[in-house]
C-alpha atoms as a PDB file:
ATOM      1  CA  MET A   1       0.000   0.000   0.000  1.00  0.00           C
ATOM      2  CA  LEU A   2       2.863   2.349   0.747  1.00  0.00           C
ATOM      3  CA  LEU A   3       4.223   1.750  -2.745  1.00  0.00           C
ATOM      4  CA  ALA A   4       0.875   2.725  -4.251  1.00  0.00           C
ATOM      5  CA  LEU A   5       0.714   5.854  -2.094  1.00  0.00           C
ATOM      6  CA  SER A   6       4.286   6.778  -2.941  1.00  0.00           C
ATOM      7  CA  LEU A   7       3.397   6.803  -6.653  1.00  0.00           C
ATOM      8  CA  PHE A   8       1.028   9.700  -5.974  1.00  0.00           C
ATOM      9  CA  ALA A   9       3.387  11.561  -3.670  1.00  0.00           C
ATOM     10  CA  PRO A  10       4.151  15.047  -4.915  1.00  0.00           C
ATOM     11  CA  THR A  11       7.501  15.477  -6.565  1.00  0.00           C
ATOM     12  CA  GLY A  12       9.766  18.254  -5.603  1.00  0.00           C
ATOM     13  CA  GLN A  13      12.870  17.990  -3.531  1.00  0.00           C
ATOM     14  CA  PRO A  14      14.145  14.446  -3.800  1.00  0.00           C
ATOM     15  CA  GLY A  15      13.008  12.584  -0.662  1.00  0.00           C
ATOM     16  CA  GLY A  16      12.621  15.799   1.250  1.00  0.00           C
ATOM     17  CA  ARG A  17       9.940  17.267   3.430  1.00  0.00           C
ATOM     18  CA  THR A  18       7.296  17.031   0.706  1.00  0.00           C
ATOM     19  CA  THR A  19       7.119  13.233   0.855  1.00  0.00           C
ATOM     20  CA  LEU A  20       7.122  13.257   4.642  1.00  0.00           C
ATOM     21  CA  LEU A  21       4.318  15.820   4.649  1.00  0.00           C
ATOM     22  CA  PHE A  22       2.316  13.703   2.193  1.00  0.00           C
ATOM     23  CA  PHE A  23       2.570  10.579   4.355  1.00  0.00           C
ATOM     24  CA  GLY A  24       1.698  12.625   7.436  1.00  0.00           C
ATOM     25  CA  GLN A  25      -1.467  13.849   5.736  1.00  0.00           C
ATOM     26  CA  MET A  26      -2.393  10.299   4.679  1.00  0.00           C
ATOM     27  CA  ALA A  27      -1.938   9.094   8.273  1.00  0.00           C
ATOM     28  CA  ALA A  28      -4.146  11.929   9.524  1.00  0.00           C
ATOM     29  CA  ILE A  29      -6.889  11.051   7.027  1.00  0.00           C
ATOM     30  CA  ILE A  30      -6.771   7.378   8.019  1.00  0.00           C
ATOM     31  CA  ALA A  31      -6.965   8.332  11.718  1.00  0.00           C
ATOM     32  CA  ILE A  32      -9.953  10.609  11.083  1.00  0.00           C
ATOM     33  CA  PHE A  33     -11.800   7.858   9.202  1.00  0.00           C
ATOM     34  CA  TYR A  34     -11.067   5.402  11.989  1.00  0.00           C
ATOM     35  CA  TYR A  35     -12.305   7.644  14.800  1.00  0.00           C
ATOM     36  CA  PHE A  36     -15.367   9.006  13.001  1.00  0.00           C
ATOM     37  CA  PHE A  37     -16.577   5.969  11.047  1.00  0.00           C
ATOM     38  CA  ILE A  38     -15.018   2.631  11.971  1.00  0.00           C
ATOM     39  CA  ARG A  39     -14.764   2.921  15.765  1.00  0.00           C
ATOM     40  CA  PRO A  40     -18.330   4.166  16.448  1.00  0.00           C
ATOM     41  CA  ASN A  41     -19.788   1.441  14.229  1.00  0.00           C
ATOM     42  CA  ALA A  42     -17.794  -1.249  16.064  1.00  0.00           C
ATOM     43  CA  GLN A  43     -19.008   0.093  19.418  1.00  0.00           C
ATOM     44  CA  LYS A  44     -22.612   0.086  18.191  1.00  0.00           C
ATOM     45  CA  GLU A  45     -22.283  -3.533  17.036  1.00  0.00           C
ATOM     46  CA  LYS A  46     -20.803  -4.509  20.403  1.00  0.00           C
ATOM     47  CA  ARG A  47     -23.733  -2.926  22.293  1.00  0.00           C
ATOM     48  CA  HIS A  48     -26.190  -4.713  19.985  1.00  0.00           C
ATOM     49  CA  ARG A  49     -24.529  -8.100  20.604  1.00  0.00           C
ATOM     50  CA  GLU A  50     -24.691  -7.468  24.357  1.00  0.00           C
ATOM     51  CA  ARG A  51     -28.422  -6.647  24.144  1.00  0.00           C
ATOM     52  CA  LEU A  52     -29.061  -9.814  22.145  1.00  0.00           C
ATOM     53  CA  SER A  53     -27.273 -11.923  24.727  1.00  0.00           C
ATOM     54  CA  ARG A  54     -29.460 -10.436  27.510  1.00  0.00           C
ATOM     55  CA  ILE A  55     -32.803 -11.239  25.861  1.00  0.00           C
ATOM     56  CA  LYS A  56     -35.068 -13.084  28.285  1.00  0.00           C
ATOM     57  CA  LYS A  57     -38.566 -14.485  28.306  1.00  0.00           C
ATOM     58  CA  GLY A  58     -41.180 -11.708  28.313  1.00  0.00           C
ATOM     59  CA  ASP A  59     -39.073  -9.120  26.429  1.00  0.00           C
ATOM     60  CA  ARG A  60     -40.690  -7.314  23.519  1.00  0.00           C
ATOM     61  CA  VAL A  61     -38.544  -7.493  20.381  1.00  0.00           C
ATOM     62  CA  VAL A  62     -38.588  -6.263  16.806  1.00  0.00           C
ATOM     63  CA  THR A  63     -37.133  -8.617  14.194  1.00  0.00           C
ATOM     64  CA  VAL A  64     -35.210  -7.582  11.116  1.00  0.00           C
ATOM     65  CA  GLY A  65     -38.319  -8.451   9.096  1.00  0.00           C
ATOM     66  CA  GLY A  66     -40.411  -6.025  11.140  1.00  0.00           C
ATOM     67  CA  ILE A  67     -42.298  -8.508  13.299  1.00  0.00           C
ATOM     68  CA  ILE A  68     -43.042  -7.076  16.747  1.00  0.00           C
ATOM     69  CA  GLY A  69     -43.746  -9.539  19.497  1.00  0.00           C
ATOM     70  CA  GLU A  70     -43.008 -10.967  22.914  1.00  0.00           C
ATOM     71  CA  VAL A  71     -40.422 -13.657  23.561  1.00  0.00           C
ATOM     72  CA  VAL A  72     -42.207 -16.709  24.968  1.00  0.00           C
ATOM     73  CA  HIS A  73     -39.469 -19.353  24.699  1.00  0.00           C
ATOM     74  CA  ILE A  74     -35.684 -19.357  24.329  1.00  0.00           C
ATOM     75  CA  LYS A  75     -33.671 -22.340  23.097  1.00  0.00           C
ATOM     76  CA  ASP A  76     -29.952 -21.763  22.442  1.00  0.00           C
ATOM     77  CA  ASP A  77     -29.872 -19.454  19.419  1.00  0.00           C
ATOM     78  CA  GLU A  78     -33.598 -19.580  18.654  1.00  0.00           C
ATOM     79  CA  LEU A  79     -36.377 -17.440  20.094  1.00  0.00           C
ATOM     80  CA  THR A  80     -40.088 -18.129  19.891  1.00  0.00           C
ATOM     81  CA  VAL A  81     -41.838 -14.799  19.448  1.00  0.00           C
ATOM     82  CA  LYS A  82     -45.580 -14.423  19.954  1.00  0.00           C
ATOM     83  CA  SER A  83     -47.056 -11.791  17.691  1.00  0.00           C
ATOM     84  CA  GLY A  84     -50.797 -11.440  17.770  1.00  0.00           C
ATOM     85  CA  GLU A  85     -52.276 -14.936  17.606  1.00  0.00           C
ATOM     86  CA  SER A  86     -49.265 -16.606  15.981  1.00  0.00           C
ATOM     87  CA  ARG A  87     -45.880 -17.764  17.177  1.00  0.00           C
ATOM     88  CA  VAL A  88     -42.758 -17.408  15.077  1.00  0.00           C
ATOM     89  CA  VAL A  89     -39.354 -18.998  15.672  1.00  0.00           C
ATOM     90  CA  VAL A  90     -36.503 -16.614  14.824  1.00  0.00           C
ATOM     91  CA  GLN A  91     -32.751 -16.699  15.229  1.00  0.00           C
ATOM     92  CA  ARG A  92     -31.352 -14.529  17.984  1.00  0.00           C
ATOM     93  CA  GLY A  93     -29.192 -12.675  15.464  1.00  0.00           C
ATOM     94  CA  ARG A  94     -32.276 -11.650  13.467  1.00  0.00           C
ATOM     95  CA  VAL A  95     -33.591  -9.466  16.295  1.00  0.00           C
ATOM     96  CA  ALA A  96     -33.165  -5.826  15.292  1.00  0.00           C
ATOM     97  CA  GLU A  97     -33.921  -4.312  18.698  1.00  0.00           C
ATOM     98  CA  VAL A  98     -35.285  -5.026  22.129  1.00  0.00           C
ATOM     99  CA  VAL A  99     -38.161  -2.611  22.808  1.00  0.00           C
ATOM    100  CA  GLY A 100     -37.898  -0.759  26.113  1.00  0.00           C
ATOM    101  CA  ASP A 101     -34.324  -1.945  26.790  1.00  0.00           C
ATOM    102  CA  GLU A 102     -32.243   1.119  27.578  1.00  0.00           C
END
């Protein structure tokens, strides 16, 4: 990757401050992307995984497909959700959010 970046480095003084400045700017851009985009998304995913692991019987959930219901049975990675008059078995990972869990 450094070779590819060095091809676009500005020419000027041979190996002087210009190249060092270019790589410093690239490092700053990468750091900004990490702190503003990658890190917050990873933290959000971690919180979501924690909420999914704390689901218990009686919790109201919303699935990725939009089904809203109450958890009536939990077996390993499967949840039985009662929505209206029907019961649906969904995977734990397919729960979009736990309603009322703050």
